[in-house]
Amino acid sequence: MRNIFLISLGVWICFVVQYFLSEWFSPWFRPNLLLLMVIFLNLYRGIRHSFLVAFIAGLVADSFAPGLFGINIFAFMLSAYLTTLLKMYIYDSGSPTSRFLLVFLVSLCFGLIDFMGRTLFISVNFWKAFRYLMLPQTVATAAVSLYVLKIFKRCALKLFA
């Protein structure tokens, strides 16, 4: 029960910080901190914790997003599963380069999953969405990933120990 509370609190903090970053900086710098939390807990605690974070993060994101409810839950859950698959093939636990590559690939796939889920109901130009939404978010998420994952690790060592 304590883990669920701490994970929910962490998701809420990441959501609020992500919101303020999107308000303070330009639209070109919008890192997805919720996705970084999903990836971190997959690497640090395993797939079960990652699925829990993915569900809670998707629920929070869907609650505050316009459009069809459930798209973010699906995208975060699929990203958690994708992280597990990529972790087996490209992740080396001591290498920042493999961590960066893992975050970049999962973030890019998250953007594609989110785009495909939204285009089921509305017509969107793929190249404009890729250029103005997916690519900036993927680059920003990967750019801050090493620093944010270190912060998550410090917090996890204090909270889950």
N, C-alpha and C. Protein backbone atom coordinates (compact mmCIF):
# COMPACT_ATOMS: atom_id res chain seq x y z
N MET A 1 0.82 -1.19 0.00
CA MET A 1 0.00 0.00 0.00
C MET A 1 0.87 1.26 0.00
N ARG A 2 1.98 1.19 0.76
CA ARG A 2 2.90 2.32 0.81
C ARG A 2 3.49 2.60 -0.57
N ASN A 3 3.84 1.52 -1.30
CA ASN A 3 4.41 1.70 -2.64
C ASN A 3 3.40 2.36 -3.58
N ILE A 4 2.14 1.96 -3.48
CA ILE A 4 1.12 2.56 -4.35
C ILE A 4 0.97 4.05 -4.06
N PHE A 5 0.98 4.40 -2.78
CA PHE A 5 0.88 5.81 -2.41
C PHE A 5 2.08 6.60 -2.91
N LEU A 6 3.30 6.06 -2.73
CA LEU A 6 4.50 6.76 -3.18
C LEU A 6 4.54 6.89 -4.70
N ILE A 7 4.13 5.85 -5.39
CA ILE A 7 4.11 5.91 -6.85
C ILE A 7 3.08 6.92 -7.33
N SER A 8 1.90 6.93 -6.71
CA SER A 8 0.87 7.90 -7.09
C SER A 8 1.32 9.33 -6.82
N LEU A 9 1.97 9.54 -5.70
CA LEU A 9 2.51 10.86 -5.38
C LEU A 9 3.59 11.28 -6.39
N GLY A 10 4.46 10.35 -6.75
CA GLY A 10 5.49 10.64 -7.74
C GLY A 10 4.91 10.97 -9.11
N VAL A 11 3.87 10.24 -9.50
CA VAL A 11 3.21 10.53 -10.78
C VAL A 11 2.59 11.91 -10.75
N TRP A 12 1.94 12.24 -9.66
CA TRP A 12 1.29 13.55 -9.56
C TRP A 12 2.34 14.68 -9.60
N ILE A 13 3.45 14.51 -8.90
CA ILE A 13 4.52 15.52 -8.91
C ILE A 13 5.09 15.67 -10.32
N CYS A 14 5.34 14.55 -10.99
CA CYS A 14 5.86 14.61 -12.37
C CYS A 14 4.87 15.29 -13.30
N PHE A 15 3.59 15.02 -13.12
CA PHE A 15 2.57 15.64 -13.96
C PHE A 15 2.55 17.16 -13.76
N VAL A 16 2.61 17.60 -12.51
CA VAL A 16 2.59 19.04 -12.22
C VAL A 16 3.85 19.71 -12.76
N VAL A 17 5.01 19.11 -12.56
CA VAL A 17 6.26 19.69 -13.08
C VAL A 17 6.23 19.72 -14.60
N GLN A 18 5.72 18.66 -15.22
CA GLN A 18 5.61 18.62 -16.69
C GLN A 18 4.69 19.73 -17.19
N TYR A 19 3.60 19.98 -16.48
CA TYR A 19 2.68 21.04 -16.87
C TYR A 19 3.38 22.40 -16.78
N PHE A 20 4.08 22.66 -15.69
CA PHE A 20 4.75 23.95 -15.55
C PHE A 20 5.89 24.12 -16.55
N LEU A 21 6.60 23.06 -16.87
CA LEU A 21 7.64 23.16 -17.90
C LEU A 21 7.04 23.51 -19.26
N SER A 22 5.87 22.95 -19.56
CA SER A 22 5.24 23.27 -20.84
C SER A 22 4.71 24.69 -20.87
N GLU A 23 4.39 25.25 -19.71
CA GLU A 23 3.92 26.64 -19.65
C GLU A 23 5.08 27.63 -19.68
N TRP A 24 6.19 27.28 -19.06
CA TRP A 24 7.32 28.21 -18.95
C TRP A 24 8.19 28.25 -20.19
N PHE A 25 8.37 27.11 -20.84
CA PHE A 25 9.27 27.04 -21.99
C PHE A 25 8.47 27.03 -23.28
N SER A 26 9.19 27.07 -24.37
CA SER A 26 8.54 27.10 -25.67
C SER A 26 7.91 25.74 -25.98
N PRO A 27 7.05 25.69 -26.98
CA PRO A 27 6.45 24.40 -27.35
C PRO A 27 7.47 23.38 -27.86
N TRP A 28 8.68 23.83 -28.14
CA TRP A 28 9.71 22.92 -28.62
C TRP A 28 10.39 22.17 -27.50
N PHE A 29 10.15 22.57 -26.26
CA PHE A 29 10.78 21.89 -25.12
C PHE A 29 9.69 21.40 -24.17
N ARG A 30 9.24 20.18 -24.42
CA ARG A 30 8.21 19.57 -23.57
C ARG A 30 8.61 18.13 -23.24
N PRO A 31 9.50 17.96 -22.27
CA PRO A 31 9.86 16.58 -21.91
C PRO A 31 8.70 15.85 -21.24
N ASN A 32 8.60 14.59 -21.50
CA ASN A 32 7.54 13.76 -20.94
C ASN A 32 8.08 13.09 -19.67
N LEU A 33 7.90 13.75 -18.53
CA LEU A 33 8.41 13.23 -17.27
C LEU A 33 7.66 11.99 -16.80
N LEU A 34 6.40 11.89 -17.16
CA LEU A 34 5.64 10.69 -16.80
C LEU A 34 6.21 9.46 -17.49
N LEU A 35 6.58 9.61 -18.75
CA LEU A 35 7.18 8.50 -19.47
C LEU A 35 8.54 8.14 -18.88
N LEU A 36 9.30 9.15 -18.46
CA LEU A 36 10.59 8.88 -17.81
C LEU A 36 10.39 8.12 -16.50
N MET A 37 9.33 8.42 -15.79
CA MET A 37 9.05 7.69 -14.55
C MET A 37 8.69 6.24 -14.85
N VAL A 38 7.92 6.01 -15.91
CA VAL A 38 7.58 4.64 -16.32
C VAL A 38 8.85 3.87 -16.67
N ILE A 39 9.72 4.49 -17.44
CA ILE A 39 10.97 3.84 -17.85
C ILE A 39 11.86 3.58 -16.63
N PHE A 40 11.98 4.57 -15.75
CA PHE A 40 12.84 4.41 -14.59
C PHE A 40 12.38 3.25 -13.70
N LEU A 41 11.09 3.21 -13.39
CA LEU A 41 10.63 2.14 -12.52
C LEU A 41 10.70 0.78 -13.19
N ASN A 42 10.65 0.75 -14.51
CA ASN A 42 10.86 -0.51 -15.21
C ASN A 42 12.30 -0.97 -15.04
N LEU A 43 13.23 -0.04 -15.14
CA LEU A 43 14.64 -0.39 -15.00
C LEU A 43 15.01 -0.68 -13.55
N TYR A 44 14.41 0.04 -12.62
CA TYR A 44 14.82 -0.03 -11.22
C TYR A 44 14.04 -1.08 -10.42
N ARG A 45 12.73 -1.20 -10.66
CA ARG A 45 11.90 -2.09 -9.84
C ARG A 45 11.25 -3.23 -10.61
N GLY A 46 11.22 -3.17 -11.95
CA GLY A 46 10.65 -4.26 -12.71
C GLY A 46 9.35 -3.89 -13.41
N ILE A 47 8.82 -4.86 -14.12
CA ILE A 47 7.67 -4.63 -14.99
C ILE A 47 6.39 -4.38 -14.21
N ARG A 48 6.21 -5.01 -13.05
CA ARG A 48 4.96 -4.83 -12.31
C ARG A 48 4.81 -3.39 -11.81
N HIS A 49 5.88 -2.83 -11.27
CA HIS A 49 5.83 -1.43 -10.83
C HIS A 49 5.67 -0.50 -12.02
N SER A 50 6.31 -0.86 -13.13
CA SER A 50 6.21 -0.04 -14.33
C SER A 50 4.78 -0.02 -14.87
N PHE A 51 4.10 -1.16 -14.85
CA PHE A 51 2.71 -1.18 -15.29
C PHE A 51 1.81 -0.37 -14.37
N LEU A 52 2.09 -0.42 -13.08
CA LEU A 52 1.31 0.37 -12.13
C LEU A 52 1.50 1.86 -12.40
N VAL A 53 2.75 2.28 -12.59
CA VAL A 53 3.02 3.68 -12.90
C VAL A 53 2.40 4.07 -14.23
N ALA A 54 2.48 3.19 -15.22
CA ALA A 54 1.92 3.49 -16.54
C ALA A 54 0.41 3.68 -16.46
N PHE A 55 -0.26 2.83 -15.68
CA PHE A 55 -1.71 2.96 -15.55
C PHE A 55 -2.08 4.27 -14.84
N ILE A 56 -1.39 4.56 -13.74
CA ILE A 56 -1.71 5.78 -12.98
C ILE A 56 -1.36 7.02 -13.81
N ALA A 57 -0.21 7.01 -14.49
CA ALA A 57 0.19 8.15 -15.33
C ALA A 57 -0.80 8.35 -16.47
N GLY A 58 -1.21 7.27 -17.10
CA GLY A 58 -2.19 7.38 -18.18
C GLY A 58 -3.53 7.87 -17.68
N LEU A 59 -3.93 7.44 -16.50
CA LEU A 59 -5.18 7.88 -15.91
C LEU A 59 -5.15 9.38 -15.61
N VAL A 60 -4.04 9.85 -15.04
CA VAL A 60 -3.91 11.28 -14.75
C VAL A 60 -3.85 12.08 -16.04
N ALA A 61 -3.06 11.62 -17.01
CA ALA A 61 -2.94 12.35 -18.28
C ALA A 61 -4.28 12.38 -19.03
N ASP A 62 -5.00 11.27 -19.02
CA ASP A 62 -6.31 11.23 -19.68
C ASP A 62 -7.33 12.11 -18.97
N SER A 63 -7.21 12.23 -17.67
CA SER A 63 -8.16 13.05 -16.92
C SER A 63 -8.05 14.52 -17.27
N PHE A 64 -6.87 14.96 -17.66
CA PHE A 64 -6.66 16.38 -17.95
C PHE A 64 -6.48 16.67 -19.43
N ALA A 65 -6.60 15.67 -20.28
CA ALA A 65 -6.40 15.86 -21.72
C ALA A 65 -7.74 15.88 -22.44
N PRO A 66 -7.84 16.70 -23.48
CA PRO A 66 -9.06 16.64 -24.28
C PRO A 66 -9.03 15.41 -25.18
N GLY A 67 -10.17 14.99 -25.60
CA GLY A 67 -10.23 13.87 -26.52
C GLY A 67 -10.73 12.60 -25.84
N LEU A 68 -10.49 11.49 -26.49
CA LEU A 68 -10.98 10.20 -26.05
C LEU A 68 -10.25 9.73 -24.80
N PHE A 69 -11.00 9.30 -23.81
CA PHE A 69 -10.41 8.80 -22.58
C PHE A 69 -9.86 7.39 -22.80
N GLY A 70 -8.62 7.16 -22.41
CA GLY A 70 -8.00 5.85 -22.50
C GLY A 70 -6.82 5.77 -23.44
N ILE A 71 -6.65 6.77 -24.29
CA ILE A 71 -5.54 6.74 -25.23
C ILE A 71 -4.21 6.81 -24.49
N ASN A 72 -4.10 7.68 -23.50
CA ASN A 72 -2.85 7.79 -22.75
C ASN A 72 -2.58 6.56 -21.90
N ILE A 73 -3.62 5.97 -21.33
CA ILE A 73 -3.42 4.73 -20.57
C ILE A 73 -2.85 3.66 -21.49
N PHE A 74 -3.43 3.52 -22.67
CA PHE A 74 -2.94 2.53 -23.63
C PHE A 74 -1.50 2.83 -24.05
N ALA A 75 -1.20 4.09 -24.34
CA ALA A 75 0.14 4.45 -24.80
C ALA A 75 1.19 4.23 -23.70
N PHE A 76 0.86 4.59 -22.47
CA PHE A 76 1.82 4.38 -21.37
C PHE A 76 2.01 2.89 -21.08
N MET A 77 0.94 2.12 -21.11
CA MET A 77 1.06 0.68 -20.84
C MET A 77 1.88 -0.02 -21.93
N LEU A 78 1.64 0.36 -23.17
CA LEU A 78 2.42 -0.22 -24.27
C LEU A 78 3.88 0.21 -24.19
N SER A 79 4.13 1.43 -23.75
CA SER A 79 5.50 1.91 -23.58
C SER A 79 6.22 1.15 -22.46
N ALA A 80 5.51 0.81 -21.40
CA ALA A 80 6.10 0.02 -20.32
C ALA A 80 6.50 -1.36 -20.83
N TYR A 81 5.63 -1.96 -21.62
CA TYR A 81 5.95 -3.26 -22.20
C TYR A 81 7.11 -3.15 -23.18
N LEU A 82 7.12 -2.11 -24.00
CA LEU A 82 8.20 -1.89 -24.95
C LEU A 82 9.54 -1.68 -24.24
N THR A 83 9.50 -0.99 -23.10
CA THR A 83 10.72 -0.79 -22.32
C THR A 83 11.28 -2.13 -21.87
N THR A 84 10.42 -3.04 -21.46
CA THR A 84 10.87 -4.36 -21.04
C THR A 84 11.52 -5.11 -22.19
N LEU A 85 10.91 -5.03 -23.36
CA LEU A 85 11.48 -5.70 -24.54
C LEU A 85 12.83 -5.11 -24.93
N LEU A 86 12.90 -3.78 -24.99
CA LEU A 86 14.15 -3.13 -25.39
C LEU A 86 15.23 -3.30 -24.33
N LYS A 87 14.83 -3.41 -23.07
CA LYS A 87 15.79 -3.59 -21.98
C LYS A 87 16.58 -4.88 -22.16
N MET A 88 15.95 -5.90 -22.71
CA MET A 88 16.64 -7.18 -22.90
C MET A 88 17.70 -7.10 -23.99
N TYR A 89 17.52 -6.21 -24.98
CA TYR A 89 18.39 -6.22 -26.14
C TYR A 89 19.39 -5.07 -26.19
N ILE A 90 19.04 -3.88 -25.70
CA ILE A 90 19.95 -2.75 -25.88
C ILE A 90 20.42 -2.11 -24.59
N TYR A 91 19.88 -2.52 -23.46
CA TYR A 91 20.20 -1.82 -22.21
C TYR A 91 21.37 -2.49 -21.49
N ASP A 92 22.35 -1.68 -21.12
CA ASP A 92 23.46 -2.10 -20.29
C ASP A 92 23.39 -1.26 -19.02
N SER A 93 23.31 -1.89 -17.87
CA SER A 93 22.96 -1.17 -16.64
C SER A 93 23.94 -0.07 -16.25
N GLY A 94 25.18 -0.12 -16.67
CA GLY A 94 26.12 0.92 -16.29
C GLY A 94 26.37 1.96 -17.37
N SER A 95 25.74 1.83 -18.50
CA SER A 95 26.03 2.69 -19.64
C SER A 95 25.00 3.80 -19.81
N PRO A 96 25.44 5.07 -19.68
CA PRO A 96 24.51 6.16 -19.94
C PRO A 96 24.07 6.22 -21.41
N THR A 97 24.92 5.76 -22.32
CA THR A 97 24.57 5.77 -23.73
C THR A 97 23.40 4.83 -24.02
N SER A 98 23.44 3.64 -23.44
CA SER A 98 22.33 2.71 -23.67
C SER A 98 21.05 3.21 -22.99
N ARG A 99 21.18 3.88 -21.86
CA ARG A 99 20.01 4.45 -21.19
C ARG A 99 19.40 5.56 -22.05
N PHE A 100 20.26 6.40 -22.61
CA PHE A 100 19.80 7.48 -23.49
C PHE A 100 19.10 6.91 -24.72
N LEU A 101 19.69 5.89 -25.33
CA LEU A 101 19.11 5.26 -26.52
C LEU A 101 17.77 4.61 -26.18
N LEU A 102 17.69 3.96 -25.04
CA LEU A 102 16.44 3.33 -24.62
C LEU A 102 15.34 4.38 -24.45
N VAL A 103 15.66 5.48 -23.78
CA VAL A 103 14.68 6.55 -23.58
C VAL A 103 14.26 7.16 -24.91
N PHE A 104 15.21 7.38 -25.80
CA PHE A 104 14.89 7.96 -27.10
C PHE A 104 13.94 7.06 -27.89
N LEU A 105 14.23 5.77 -27.94
CA LEU A 105 13.38 4.85 -28.71
C LEU A 105 11.99 4.69 -28.10
N VAL A 106 11.92 4.57 -26.79
CA VAL A 106 10.61 4.43 -26.14
C VAL A 106 9.80 5.71 -26.30
N SER A 107 10.46 6.86 -26.18
CA SER A 107 9.76 8.12 -26.34
C SER A 107 9.24 8.31 -27.77
N LEU A 108 10.03 7.93 -28.73
CA LEU A 108 9.59 8.01 -30.13
C LEU A 108 8.41 7.07 -30.38
N CYS A 109 8.49 5.86 -29.86
CA CYS A 109 7.38 4.92 -30.02
C CYS A 109 6.14 5.39 -29.27
N PHE A 110 6.32 6.03 -28.10
CA PHE A 110 5.18 6.58 -27.36
C PHE A 110 4.47 7.63 -28.21
N GLY A 111 5.24 8.50 -28.86
CA GLY A 111 4.65 9.51 -29.73
C GLY A 111 3.89 8.90 -30.90
N LEU A 112 4.44 7.83 -31.48
CA LEU A 112 3.77 7.16 -32.60
C LEU A 112 2.49 6.46 -32.14
N ILE A 113 2.54 5.82 -30.97
CA ILE A 113 1.35 5.16 -30.43
C ILE A 113 0.26 6.18 -30.14
N ASP A 114 0.65 7.28 -29.53
CA ASP A 114 -0.31 8.34 -29.21
C ASP A 114 -0.91 8.93 -30.49
N PHE A 115 -0.07 9.14 -31.50
CA PHE A 115 -0.55 9.67 -32.78
C PHE A 115 -1.55 8.72 -33.43
N MET A 116 -1.20 7.43 -33.46
CA MET A 116 -2.10 6.46 -34.10
C MET A 116 -3.42 6.34 -33.35
N GLY A 117 -3.37 6.43 -32.03
CA GLY A 117 -4.61 6.37 -31.26
C GLY A 117 -5.50 7.56 -31.52
N ARG A 118 -4.92 8.72 -31.68
CA ARG A 118 -5.72 9.92 -31.93
C ARG A 118 -6.22 10.01 -33.36
N THR A 119 -5.48 9.46 -34.33
CA THR A 119 -5.91 9.55 -35.72
C THR A 119 -7.03 8.58 -36.05
N LEU A 120 -7.38 7.71 -35.12
CA LEU A 120 -8.53 6.85 -35.36
C LEU A 120 -9.82 7.66 -35.42
N PHE A 121 -9.82 8.83 -34.78
CA PHE A 121 -11.05 9.61 -34.65
C PHE A 121 -11.01 10.96 -35.33
N ILE A 122 -9.81 11.49 -35.60
CA ILE A 122 -9.69 12.77 -36.30
C ILE A 122 -8.62 12.65 -37.37
N SER A 123 -8.70 13.50 -38.36
CA SER A 123 -7.72 13.51 -39.44
C SER A 123 -6.57 14.45 -39.08
N VAL A 124 -5.34 13.92 -39.10
CA VAL A 124 -4.16 14.70 -38.75
C VAL A 124 -3.08 14.42 -39.79
N ASN A 125 -2.38 15.46 -40.19
CA ASN A 125 -1.27 15.31 -41.11
C ASN A 125 -0.08 14.71 -40.33
N PHE A 126 0.40 13.54 -40.76
CA PHE A 126 1.46 12.84 -40.03
C PHE A 126 2.74 13.65 -39.97
N TRP A 127 3.17 14.25 -41.08
CA TRP A 127 4.45 14.95 -41.10
C TRP A 127 4.43 16.20 -40.23
N LYS A 128 3.32 16.89 -40.19
CA LYS A 128 3.23 18.05 -39.29
C LYS A 128 3.22 17.61 -37.83
N ALA A 129 2.48 16.56 -37.54
CA ALA A 129 2.45 16.05 -36.16
C ALA A 129 3.84 15.54 -35.75
N PHE A 130 4.53 14.88 -36.67
CA PHE A 130 5.87 14.38 -36.37
C PHE A 130 6.83 15.54 -36.13
N ARG A 131 6.77 16.53 -37.00
CA ARG A 131 7.71 17.66 -36.92
C ARG A 131 7.45 18.56 -35.71
N TYR A 132 6.20 18.83 -35.42
CA TYR A 132 5.88 19.81 -34.39
C TYR A 132 5.52 19.22 -33.03
N LEU A 133 5.20 17.93 -32.97
CA LEU A 133 4.83 17.33 -31.70
C LEU A 133 5.75 16.19 -31.28
N MET A 134 5.85 15.16 -32.11
CA MET A 134 6.58 13.97 -31.72
C MET A 134 8.09 14.21 -31.61
N LEU A 135 8.68 14.79 -32.62
CA LEU A 135 10.13 14.99 -32.62
C LEU A 135 10.60 15.92 -31.50
N PRO A 136 9.97 17.09 -31.29
CA PRO A 136 10.42 17.93 -30.17
C PRO A 136 10.25 17.25 -28.81
N GLN A 137 9.15 16.54 -28.61
CA GLN A 137 8.96 15.88 -27.32
C GLN A 137 9.96 14.75 -27.14
N THR A 138 10.25 14.01 -28.19
CA THR A 138 11.22 12.92 -28.10
C THR A 138 12.61 13.46 -27.79
N VAL A 139 13.02 14.51 -28.48
CA VAL A 139 14.35 15.09 -28.26
C VAL A 139 14.45 15.70 -26.86
N ALA A 140 13.41 16.41 -26.42
CA ALA A 140 13.43 17.02 -25.10
C ALA A 140 13.45 15.95 -24.00
N THR A 141 12.68 14.90 -24.17
CA THR A 141 12.66 13.83 -23.18
C THR A 141 14.01 13.14 -23.11
N ALA A 142 14.60 12.86 -24.25
CA ALA A 142 15.93 12.23 -24.26
C ALA A 142 16.99 13.17 -23.70
N ALA A 143 16.86 14.46 -23.96
CA ALA A 143 17.87 15.42 -23.50
C ALA A 143 17.91 15.53 -21.98
N VAL A 144 16.77 15.49 -21.34
CA VAL A 144 16.73 15.62 -19.88
C VAL A 144 16.77 14.26 -19.18
N SER A 145 16.77 13.18 -19.93
CA SER A 145 16.61 11.86 -19.34
C SER A 145 17.71 11.48 -18.36
N LEU A 146 18.96 11.73 -18.70
CA LEU A 146 20.04 11.30 -17.82
C LEU A 146 19.99 12.04 -16.48
N TYR A 147 19.68 13.32 -16.52
CA TYR A 147 19.58 14.10 -15.29
C TYR A 147 18.36 13.70 -14.46
N VAL A 148 17.23 13.55 -15.12
CA VAL A 148 15.99 13.21 -14.41
C VAL A 148 16.07 11.79 -13.84
N LEU A 149 16.66 10.86 -14.57
CA LEU A 149 16.78 9.50 -14.06
C LEU A 149 17.70 9.44 -12.84
N LYS A 150 18.70 10.31 -12.76
CA LYS A 150 19.54 10.39 -11.56
C LYS A 150 18.73 10.91 -10.38
N ILE A 151 17.89 11.90 -10.62
CA ILE A 151 17.03 12.42 -9.55
C ILE A 151 16.07 11.34 -9.08
N PHE A 152 15.47 10.61 -10.02
CA PHE A 152 14.56 9.52 -9.65
C PHE A 152 15.29 8.46 -8.84
N LYS A 153 16.53 8.18 -9.19
CA LYS A 153 17.29 7.15 -8.47
C LYS A 153 17.56 7.60 -7.04
N ARG A 154 17.93 8.86 -6.85
CA ARG A 154 18.15 9.37 -5.49
C ARG A 154 16.88 9.29 -4.66
N CYS A 155 15.76 9.66 -5.26
CA CYS A 155 14.48 9.59 -4.54
C CYS A 155 14.11 8.13 -4.22
N ALA A 156 14.32 7.24 -5.17
CA ALA A 156 13.97 5.83 -4.97
C ALA A 156 14.83 5.20 -3.88
N LEU A 157 16.10 5.56 -3.82
CA LEU A 157 16.96 5.02 -2.78
C LEU A 157 16.51 5.45 -1.39
N LYS A 158 15.99 6.66 -1.30
CA LYS A 158 15.50 7.13 0.00
C LYS A 158 14.13 6.57 0.34
N LEU A 159 13.26 6.44 -0.64
CA LEU A 159 11.88 6.05 -0.36
C LEU A 159 11.65 4.55 -0.31
N PHE A 160 12.28 3.80 -1.21
CA PHE A 160 12.00 2.37 -1.30
C PHE A 160 12.98 1.51 -0.51
N ALA A 161 13.95 2.11 0.13
CA ALA A 161 14.95 1.34 0.89
C ALA A 161 14.42 0.85 2.21
